[in-house]
Full PDB file with SEQRES, HELIX, SHEET, SSBOND, CRYST1, ORIGX, SCALE, CONECT and MASTER records, all heavy atoms in Angstrom:
SEQRES   1 A   34  GLU LEU ASP LEU THR ASP ASN GLU VAL ASP ASP GLU GLY          
SEQRES   2 A   34  LEU LYS SER ILE SER ARG CYS SER LYS LEU SER SER LEU          
SEQRES   3 A   34  LYS LEU GLY ILE CYS LEU ASN ILE                              
HELIX    1 AA1 ASP A   11  ILE A   17  1                                   7    
SHEET    1 AA1 2 LEU A   2  ASP A   3  0                                        
SHEET    2 AA1 2 LEU A  26  LYS A  27  1                                        
CRYST1    1.000    1.000    1.000  90.00  90.00  90.00 P 1           1          
ORIGX1      1.000000  0.000000  0.000000        0.00000                         
ORIGX2      0.000000  1.000000  0.000000        0.00000                         
ORIGX3      0.000000  0.000000  1.000000        0.00000                         
SCALE1      1.000000  0.000000  0.000000        0.00000                         
SCALE2      0.000000  1.000000  0.000000        0.00000                         
SCALE3      0.000000  0.000000  1.000000        0.00000                         
ATOM      1  N   GLU A   1     277.171 201.175-139.459  1.00  0.00           N  
ATOM      2  CA  GLU A   1     277.377 201.674-140.818  1.00  0.00           C  
ATOM      3  C   GLU A   1     278.946 201.899-140.996  1.00  0.00           C  
ATOM      4  O   GLU A   1     279.435 202.749-140.232  1.00  0.00           O  
ATOM      5  CB  GLU A   1     276.600 202.977-141.121  1.00  0.00           C  
ATOM      6  CG  GLU A   1     276.955 203.537-142.474  1.00  0.00           C  
ATOM      7  CD  GLU A   1     276.327 204.929-142.702  1.00  0.00           C  
ATOM      8  OE1 GLU A   1     275.890 205.599-141.736  1.00  0.00           O  
ATOM      9  OE2 GLU A   1     276.156 205.430-143.944  1.00  0.00           O  
ATOM     10  N   LEU A   2     279.587 201.476-142.024  1.00  0.00           N  
ATOM     11  CA  LEU A   2     280.969 201.627-142.289  1.00  0.00           C  
ATOM     12  C   LEU A   2     281.205 201.745-143.770  1.00  0.00           C  
ATOM     13  O   LEU A   2     280.932 200.837-144.521  1.00  0.00           O  
ATOM     14  CB  LEU A   2     281.749 200.359-141.682  1.00  0.00           C  
ATOM     15  CG  LEU A   2     283.327 200.518-141.777  1.00  0.00           C  
ATOM     16  CD1 LEU A   2     283.862 201.650-141.086  1.00  0.00           C  
ATOM     17  CD2 LEU A   2     283.916 199.195-141.298  1.00  0.00           C  
ATOM     18  N   ASP A   3     281.698 202.863-144.206  1.00  0.00           N  
ATOM     19  CA  ASP A   3     282.035 203.168-145.502  1.00  0.00           C  
ATOM     20  C   ASP A   3     283.543 203.289-145.700  1.00  0.00           C  
ATOM     21  O   ASP A   3     284.174 204.217-145.230  1.00  0.00           O  
ATOM     22  CB  ASP A   3     281.308 204.557-145.910  1.00  0.00           C  
ATOM     23  CG  ASP A   3     281.539 204.820-147.465  1.00  0.00           C  
ATOM     24  OD1 ASP A   3     282.311 204.130-148.122  1.00  0.00           O  
ATOM     25  OD2 ASP A   3     280.836 205.637-147.915  1.00  0.00           O  
ATOM     26  N   LEU A   4     284.034 202.308-146.303  1.00  0.00           N  
ATOM     27  CA  LEU A   4     285.513 202.236-146.611  1.00  0.00           C  
ATOM     28  C   LEU A   4     285.861 202.318-148.055  1.00  0.00           C  
ATOM     29  O   LEU A   4     286.945 201.930-148.577  1.00  0.00           O  
ATOM     30  CB  LEU A   4     286.126 200.943-146.111  1.00  0.00           C  
ATOM     31  CG  LEU A   4     285.970 200.750-144.507  1.00  0.00           C  
ATOM     32  CD1 LEU A   4     286.521 199.319-144.112  1.00  0.00           C  
ATOM     33  CD2 LEU A   4     286.540 201.873-143.652  1.00  0.00           C  
ATOM     34  N   THR A   5     285.061 202.945-148.876  1.00  0.00           N  
ATOM     35  CA  THR A   5     285.192 202.999-150.321  1.00  0.00           C  
ATOM     36  C   THR A   5     286.538 203.623-150.689  1.00  0.00           C  
ATOM     37  O   THR A   5     286.869 204.562-150.099  1.00  0.00           O  
ATOM     38  CB  THR A   5     284.047 203.830-150.940  1.00  0.00           C  
ATOM     39  OG1 THR A   5     282.725 203.282-150.529  1.00  0.00           O  
ATOM     40  CG2 THR A   5     284.240 203.911-152.448  1.00  0.00           C  
ATOM     41  N   ASP A   6     287.149 203.001-151.546  1.00  0.00           N  
ATOM     42  CA  ASP A   6     288.469 203.481-152.232  1.00  0.00           C  
ATOM     43  C   ASP A   6     289.532 203.741-151.041  1.00  0.00           C  
ATOM     44  O   ASP A   6     290.053 204.731-150.795  1.00  0.00           O  
ATOM     45  CB  ASP A   6     288.152 204.907-152.861  1.00  0.00           C  
ATOM     46  CG  ASP A   6     289.410 205.325-153.582  1.00  0.00           C  
ATOM     47  OD1 ASP A   6     290.375 204.581-153.925  1.00  0.00           O  
ATOM     48  OD2 ASP A   6     289.515 206.576-153.926  1.00  0.00           O  
ATOM     49  N   ASN A   7     289.793 202.582-150.297  1.00  0.00           N  
ATOM     50  CA  ASN A   7     290.617 202.619-149.204  1.00  0.00           C  
ATOM     51  C   ASN A   7     291.656 201.463-149.309  1.00  0.00           C  
ATOM     52  O   ASN A   7     291.472 200.566-150.199  1.00  0.00           O  
ATOM     53  CB  ASN A   7     290.107 202.629-147.864  1.00  0.00           C  
ATOM     54  CG  ASN A   7     289.790 204.112-147.362  1.00  0.00           C  
ATOM     55  OD1 ASN A   7     290.709 204.830-147.093  1.00  0.00           O  
ATOM     56  ND2 ASN A   7     288.517 204.366-147.293  1.00  0.00           N  
ATOM     57  N   GLU A   8     292.659 201.444-148.475  1.00  0.00           N  
ATOM     58  CA  GLU A   8     293.760 200.265-148.599  1.00  0.00           C  
ATOM     59  C   GLU A   8     293.372 199.142-147.645  1.00  0.00           C  
ATOM     60  O   GLU A   8     294.276 198.291-147.377  1.00  0.00           O  
ATOM     61  CB  GLU A   8     295.144 200.846-148.141  1.00  0.00           C  
ATOM     62  CG  GLU A   8     295.654 201.916-149.053  1.00  0.00           C  
ATOM     63  CD  GLU A   8     295.936 201.275-150.420  1.00  0.00           C  
ATOM     64  OE1 GLU A   8     296.553 200.279-150.545  1.00  0.00           O  
ATOM     65  OE2 GLU A   8     295.566 201.925-151.489  1.00  0.00           O  
ATOM     66  N   VAL A   9     292.138 199.069-147.237  1.00  0.00           N  
ATOM     67  CA  VAL A   9     291.693 197.920-146.367  1.00  0.00           C  
ATOM     68  C   VAL A   9     292.074 196.522-147.066  1.00  0.00           C  
ATOM     69  O   VAL A   9     291.816 196.467-148.264  1.00  0.00           O  
ATOM     70  CB  VAL A   9     290.245 198.006-145.942  1.00  0.00           C  
ATOM     71  CG1 VAL A   9     289.432 197.956-147.187  1.00  0.00           C  
ATOM     72  CG2 VAL A   9     289.922 196.900-144.987  1.00  0.00           C  
ATOM     73  N   ASP A  10     292.514 195.533-146.354  1.00  0.00           N  
ATOM     74  CA  ASP A  10     292.808 194.282-146.938  1.00  0.00           C  
ATOM     75  C   ASP A  10     292.018 193.082-146.139  1.00  0.00           C  
ATOM     76  O   ASP A  10     291.155 193.483-145.337  1.00  0.00           O  
ATOM     77  CB  ASP A  10     294.246 193.972-146.934  1.00  0.00           C  
ATOM     78  CG  ASP A  10     294.849 193.921-145.565  1.00  0.00           C  
ATOM     79  OD1 ASP A  10     294.107 194.129-144.613  1.00  0.00           O  
ATOM     80  OD2 ASP A  10     296.108 193.947-145.438  1.00  0.00           O  
ATOM     81  N   ASP A  11     292.459 191.947-146.403  1.00  0.00           N  
ATOM     82  CA  ASP A  11     291.689 190.820-145.784  1.00  0.00           C  
ATOM     83  C   ASP A  11     291.804 190.864-144.194  1.00  0.00           C  
ATOM     84  O   ASP A  11     290.912 190.436-143.499  1.00  0.00           O  
ATOM     85  CB  ASP A  11     292.154 189.459-146.380  1.00  0.00           C  
ATOM     86  CG  ASP A  11     291.711 189.238-147.812  1.00  0.00           C  
ATOM     87  OD1 ASP A  11     290.683 189.867-148.122  1.00  0.00           O  
ATOM     88  OD2 ASP A  11     292.216 188.487-148.511  1.00  0.00           O  
ATOM     89  N   GLU A  12     292.950 191.150-143.777  1.00  0.00           N  
ATOM     90  CA  GLU A  12     293.219 191.231-142.337  1.00  0.00           C  
ATOM     91  C   GLU A  12     292.284 192.259-141.716  1.00  0.00           C  
ATOM     92  O   GLU A  12     291.673 192.117-140.548  1.00  0.00           O  
ATOM     93  CB  GLU A  12     294.667 191.380-141.954  1.00  0.00           C  
ATOM     94  CG  GLU A  12     295.606 190.273-142.166  1.00  0.00           C  
ATOM     95  CD  GLU A  12     295.078 189.035-141.600  1.00  0.00           C  
ATOM     96  OE1 GLU A  12     294.885 189.102-140.315  1.00  0.00           O  
ATOM     97  OE2 GLU A  12     295.120 188.027-142.169  1.00  0.00           O  
ATOM     98  N   GLY A  13     292.180 193.343-142.347  1.00  0.00           N  
ATOM     99  CA  GLY A  13     291.199 194.433-141.902  1.00  0.00           C  
ATOM    100  C   GLY A  13     289.755 193.974-141.937  1.00  0.00           C  
ATOM    101  O   GLY A  13     289.078 194.168-140.922  1.00  0.00           O  
ATOM    102  N   LEU A  14     289.317 193.298-142.941  1.00  0.00           N  
ATOM    103  CA  LEU A  14     288.030 192.644-142.931  1.00  0.00           C  
ATOM    104  C   LEU A  14     287.738 191.665-141.810  1.00  0.00           C  
ATOM    105  O   LEU A  14     286.822 191.540-141.260  1.00  0.00           O  
ATOM    106  CB  LEU A  14     287.710 192.139-144.320  1.00  0.00           C  
ATOM    107  CG  LEU A  14     287.305 193.073-145.559  1.00  0.00           C  
ATOM    108  CD1 LEU A  14     286.894 192.342-146.695  1.00  0.00           C  
ATOM    109  CD2 LEU A  14     286.338 194.107-145.030  1.00  0.00           C  
ATOM    110  N   LYS A  15     288.773 190.870-141.688  1.00  0.00           N  
ATOM    111  CA  LYS A  15     288.760 189.855-140.649  1.00  0.00           C  
ATOM    112  C   LYS A  15     288.453 190.438-139.171  1.00  0.00           C  
ATOM    113  O   LYS A  15     287.630 190.066-138.430  1.00  0.00           O  
ATOM    114  CB  LYS A  15     289.912 188.969-140.581  1.00  0.00           C  
ATOM    115  CG  LYS A  15     289.921 187.836-139.560  1.00  0.00           C  
ATOM    116  CD  LYS A  15     291.204 186.971-139.597  1.00  0.00           C  
ATOM    117  CE  LYS A  15     291.358 185.855-138.682  1.00  0.00           C  
ATOM    118  NZ  LYS A  15     292.535 185.218-138.708  1.00  0.00           N  
ATOM    119  N   SER A  16     289.204 191.632-138.974  1.00  0.00           N  
ATOM    120  CA  SER A  16     289.052 192.304-137.814  1.00  0.00           C  
ATOM    121  C   SER A  16     287.629 192.844-137.742  1.00  0.00           C  
ATOM    122  O   SER A  16     287.026 192.937-136.629  1.00  0.00           O  
ATOM    123  CB  SER A  16     290.169 193.322-137.602  1.00  0.00           C  
ATOM    124  OG  SER A  16     289.945 194.066-136.353  1.00  0.00           O  
ATOM    125  N   ILE A  17     287.227 193.625-138.784  1.00  0.00           N  
ATOM    126  CA  ILE A  17     285.866 194.364-138.764  1.00  0.00           C  
ATOM    127  C   ILE A  17     284.783 193.398-138.665  1.00  0.00           C  
ATOM    128  O   ILE A  17     283.652 193.765-138.098  1.00  0.00           O  
ATOM    129  CB  ILE A  17     285.801 195.165-140.194  1.00  0.00           C  
ATOM    130  CG1 ILE A  17     286.891 196.242-140.173  1.00  0.00           C  
ATOM    131  CG2 ILE A  17     284.406 195.569-140.458  1.00  0.00           C  
ATOM    132  CD1 ILE A  17     287.059 196.940-141.492  1.00  0.00           C  
ATOM    133  N   SER A  18     284.912 192.110-138.960  1.00  0.00           N  
ATOM    134  CA  SER A  18     283.858 191.111-138.789  1.00  0.00           C  
ATOM    135  C   SER A  18     283.494 190.963-137.386  1.00  0.00           C  
ATOM    136  O   SER A  18     282.426 190.417-137.030  1.00  0.00           O  
ATOM    137  CB  SER A  18     284.336 189.693-139.362  1.00  0.00           C  
ATOM    138  OG  SER A  18     285.335 189.230-138.569  1.00  0.00           O  
ATOM    139  N   ARG A  19     284.138 191.444-136.395  1.00  0.00           N  
ATOM    140  CA  ARG A  19     283.866 191.410-135.034  1.00  0.00           C  
ATOM    141  C   ARG A  19     282.661 192.394-134.807  1.00  0.00           C  
ATOM    142  O   ARG A  19     282.053 192.383-133.698  1.00  0.00           O  
ATOM    143  CB  ARG A  19     285.048 191.938-134.168  1.00  0.00           C  
ATOM    144  CG  ARG A  19     286.242 191.031-134.273  1.00  0.00           C  
ATOM    145  CD  ARG A  19     287.386 191.570-133.336  1.00  0.00           C  
ATOM    146  NE  ARG A  19     288.600 190.910-133.633  1.00  0.00           N  
ATOM    147  CZ  ARG A  19     289.736 191.171-132.928  1.00  0.00           C  
ATOM    148  NH1 ARG A  19     289.804 192.186-132.111  1.00  0.00           N  
ATOM    149  NH2 ARG A  19     290.917 190.505-133.188  1.00  0.00           N  
ATOM    150  N   CYS A  20     282.494 193.378-135.721  1.00  0.00           N  
ATOM    151  CA  CYS A  20     281.395 194.335-135.629  1.00  0.00           C  
ATOM    152  C   CYS A  20     280.038 193.670-135.946  1.00  0.00           C  
ATOM    153  O   CYS A  20     279.672 193.825-137.081  1.00  0.00           O  
ATOM    154  CB  CYS A  20     281.639 195.583-136.418  1.00  0.00           C  
ATOM    155  SG  CYS A  20     283.182 196.339-136.086  1.00  0.00           S  
ATOM    156  N   SER A  21     279.551 192.867-135.122  1.00  0.00           N  
ATOM    157  CA  SER A  21     278.378 192.128-135.405  1.00  0.00           C  
ATOM    158  C   SER A  21     277.144 192.747-135.787  1.00  0.00           C  
ATOM    159  O   SER A  21     276.228 192.198-136.222  1.00  0.00           O  
ATOM    160  CB  SER A  21     278.181 191.041-134.277  1.00  0.00           C  
ATOM    161  OG  SER A  21     277.929 191.658-133.189  1.00  0.00           O  
ATOM    162  N   LYS A  22     277.096 194.071-135.363  1.00  0.00           N  
ATOM    163  CA  LYS A  22     275.822 194.861-135.719  1.00  0.00           C  
ATOM    164  C   LYS A  22     275.798 195.452-137.007  1.00  0.00           C  
ATOM    165  O   LYS A  22     274.870 196.365-137.286  1.00  0.00           O  
ATOM    166  CB  LYS A  22     275.659 195.927-134.487  1.00  0.00           C  
ATOM    167  CG  LYS A  22     275.525 195.295-133.156  1.00  0.00           C  
ATOM    168  CD  LYS A  22     275.155 196.303-132.062  1.00  0.00           C  
ATOM    169  CE  LYS A  22     274.976 195.731-130.739  1.00  0.00           C  
ATOM    170  NZ  LYS A  22     274.597 196.763-129.660  1.00  0.00           N  
ATOM    171  N   LEU A  23     276.854 195.372-137.737  1.00  0.00           N  
ATOM    172  CA  LEU A  23     277.025 195.985-139.049  1.00  0.00           C  
ATOM    173  C   LEU A  23     275.698 195.773-139.920  1.00  0.00           C  
ATOM    174  O   LEU A  23     275.392 194.604-140.087  1.00  0.00           O  
ATOM    175  CB  LEU A  23     278.274 195.497-139.891  1.00  0.00           C  
ATOM    176  CG  LEU A  23     279.551 196.390-139.692  1.00  0.00           C  
ATOM    177  CD1 LEU A  23     280.643 195.790-140.651  1.00  0.00           C  
ATOM    178  CD2 LEU A  23     279.323 197.843-140.078  1.00  0.00           C  
ATOM    179  N   SER A  24     275.210 196.842-140.386  1.00  0.00           N  
ATOM    180  CA  SER A  24     274.059 196.588-141.355  1.00  0.00           C  
ATOM    181  C   SER A  24     274.414 197.208-142.837  1.00  0.00           C  
ATOM    182  O   SER A  24     273.812 196.725-143.696  1.00  0.00           O  
ATOM    183  CB  SER A  24     272.742 197.344-140.776  1.00  0.00           C  
ATOM    184  OG  SER A  24     272.959 198.749-140.719  1.00  0.00           O  
ATOM    185  N   SER A  25     275.370 198.170-142.804  1.00  0.00           N  
ATOM    186  CA  SER A  25     275.788 198.743-144.112  1.00  0.00           C  
ATOM    187  C   SER A  25     277.290 198.690-144.182  1.00  0.00           C  
ATOM    188  O   SER A  25     277.958 199.190-143.320  1.00  0.00           O  
ATOM    189  CB  SER A  25     275.178 200.162-144.262  1.00  0.00           C  
ATOM    190  OG  SER A  25     275.786 200.716-145.478  1.00  0.00           O  
ATOM    191  N   LEU A  26     277.816 198.102-145.083  1.00  0.00           N  
ATOM    192  CA  LEU A  26     279.262 197.981-145.400  1.00  0.00           C  
ATOM    193  C   LEU A  26     279.568 198.342-146.839  1.00  0.00           C  
ATOM    194  O   LEU A  26     279.096 197.619-147.841  1.00  0.00           O  
ATOM    195  CB  LEU A  26     279.800 196.599-145.065  1.00  0.00           C  
ATOM    196  CG  LEU A  26     281.264 196.326-145.249  1.00  0.00           C  
ATOM    197  CD1 LEU A  26     282.108 197.244-144.383  1.00  0.00           C  
ATOM    198  CD2 LEU A  26     281.633 194.967-144.903  1.00  0.00           C  
ATOM    199  N   LYS A  27     280.441 199.408-147.136  1.00  0.00           N  
ATOM    200  CA  LYS A  27     280.790 199.806-148.458  1.00  0.00           C  
ATOM    201  C   LYS A  27     282.226 199.586-148.702  1.00  0.00           C  
ATOM    202  O   LYS A  27     283.029 200.189-147.955  1.00  0.00           O  
ATOM    203  CB  LYS A  27     280.287 201.216-148.668  1.00  0.00           C  
ATOM    204  CG  LYS A  27     278.818 201.499-148.636  1.00  0.00           C  
ATOM    205  CD  LYS A  27     278.448 202.957-148.849  1.00  0.00           C  
ATOM    206  CE  LYS A  27     276.872 203.016-148.885  1.00  0.00           C  
ATOM    207  NZ  LYS A  27     276.555 204.529-149.197  1.00  0.00           N  
ATOM    208  N   LEU A  28     282.607 198.708-149.665  1.00  0.00           N  
ATOM    209  CA  LEU A  28     283.888 198.391-149.956  1.00  0.00           C  
ATOM    210  C   LEU A  28     284.355 198.636-151.327  1.00  0.00           C  
ATOM    211  O   LEU A  28     285.244 198.044-151.859  1.00  0.00           O  
ATOM    212  CB  LEU A  28     284.180 196.916-149.623  1.00  0.00           C  
ATOM    213  CG  LEU A  28     283.892 196.509-148.078  1.00  0.00           C  
ATOM    214  CD1 LEU A  28     283.845 194.950-148.019  1.00  0.00           C  
ATOM    215  CD2 LEU A  28     284.944 197.099-147.192  1.00  0.00           C  
ATOM    216  N   GLY A  29     283.579 199.626-152.051  1.00  0.00           N  
ATOM    217  CA  GLY A  29     283.797 199.831-153.475  1.00  0.00           C  
ATOM    218  C   GLY A  29     285.183 200.160-153.758  1.00  0.00           C  
ATOM    219  O   GLY A  29     285.810 201.094-152.981  1.00  0.00           O  
ATOM    220  N   ILE A  30     285.920 199.793-154.747  1.00  0.00           N  
ATOM    221  CA  ILE A  30     287.284 200.027-155.139  1.00  0.00           C  
ATOM    222  C   ILE A  30     288.267 199.794-154.091  1.00  0.00           C  
ATOM    223  O   ILE A  30     289.296 200.388-153.965  1.00  0.00           O  
ATOM    224  CB  ILE A  30     287.377 201.520-155.647  1.00  0.00           C  
ATOM    225  CG1 ILE A  30     286.061 202.028-156.262  1.00  0.00           C  
ATOM    226  CG2 ILE A  30     288.489 201.721-156.613  1.00  0.00           C  
ATOM    227  CD1 ILE A  30     286.074 203.538-156.713  1.00  0.00           C  
ATOM    228  N   CYS A  31     287.931 198.686-153.268  1.00  0.00           N  
ATOM    229  CA  CYS A  31     288.942 198.294-152.327  1.00  0.00           C  
ATOM    230  C   CYS A  31     289.698 197.143-152.963  1.00  0.00           C  
ATOM    231  O   CYS A  31     289.130 195.951-152.823  1.00  0.00           O  
ATOM    232  CB  CYS A  31     288.349 197.902-150.952  1.00  0.00           C  
ATOM    233  SG  CYS A  31     287.592 199.364-150.092  1.00  0.00           S  
ATOM    234  N   LEU A  32     290.782 197.429-153.667  1.00  0.00           N  
ATOM    235  CA  LEU A  32     291.453 196.418-154.463  1.00  0.00           C  
ATOM    236  C   LEU A  32     292.188 195.339-153.781  1.00  0.00           C  
ATOM    237  O   LEU A  32     292.655 194.496-154.458  1.00  0.00           O  
ATOM    238  CB  LEU A  32     292.224 197.165-155.455  1.00  0.00           C  
ATOM    239  CG  LEU A  32     291.565 198.216-156.325  1.00  0.00           C  
ATOM    240  CD1 LEU A  32     292.534 198.935-157.278  1.00  0.00           C  
ATOM    241  CD2 LEU A  32     290.436 197.732-157.058  1.00  0.00           C  
ATOM    242  N   ASN A  33     292.412 195.604-152.510  1.00  0.00           N  
ATOM    243  CA  ASN A  33     293.186 194.610-151.711  1.00  0.00           C  
ATOM    244  C   ASN A  33     292.339 193.455-151.038  1.00  0.00           C  
ATOM    245  O   ASN A  33     292.935 192.623-150.435  1.00  0.00           O  
ATOM    246  CB  ASN A  33     293.953 195.294-150.614  1.00  0.00           C  
ATOM    247  CG  ASN A  33     294.929 196.411-151.237  1.00  0.00           C  
ATOM    248  OD1 ASN A  33     295.534 196.144-152.247  1.00  0.00           O  
ATOM    249  ND2 ASN A  33     295.046 197.514-150.515  1.00  0.00           N  
ATOM    250  N   ILE A  34     291.175 193.526-151.094  1.00  0.00           N  
ATOM    251  CA  ILE A  34     290.205 192.524-150.471  1.00  0.00           C  
ATOM    252  C   ILE A  34     290.016 191.363-151.451  1.00  0.00           C  
ATOM    253  O   ILE A  34     289.938 191.552-152.595  1.00  0.00           O  
ATOM    254  CB  ILE A  34     288.975 193.121-149.858  1.00  0.00           C  
ATOM    255  CG1 ILE A  34     288.124 193.630-151.082  1.00  0.00           C  
ATOM    256  CG2 ILE A  34     289.213 194.209-148.878  1.00  0.00           C  
ATOM    257  CD1 ILE A  34     286.714 193.991-150.545  1.00  0.00           C  
TER     258      ILE A  34                                                      
MASTER        0    0    0    1    2    0    0    6  257    1    0    3          
END                                                                             
C-alpha cells in the first residue's frame, strides 16, 4: 500500500516505484507531475 496523494512524485519516481511488484493499492491523486 502506497499513498502519495498531493505530492511532487514524477515519472522517474513512478518508474522506480514500479519495482514494488507486490503493490495492491496505489494512490496518486493530485500528483500533477506524473
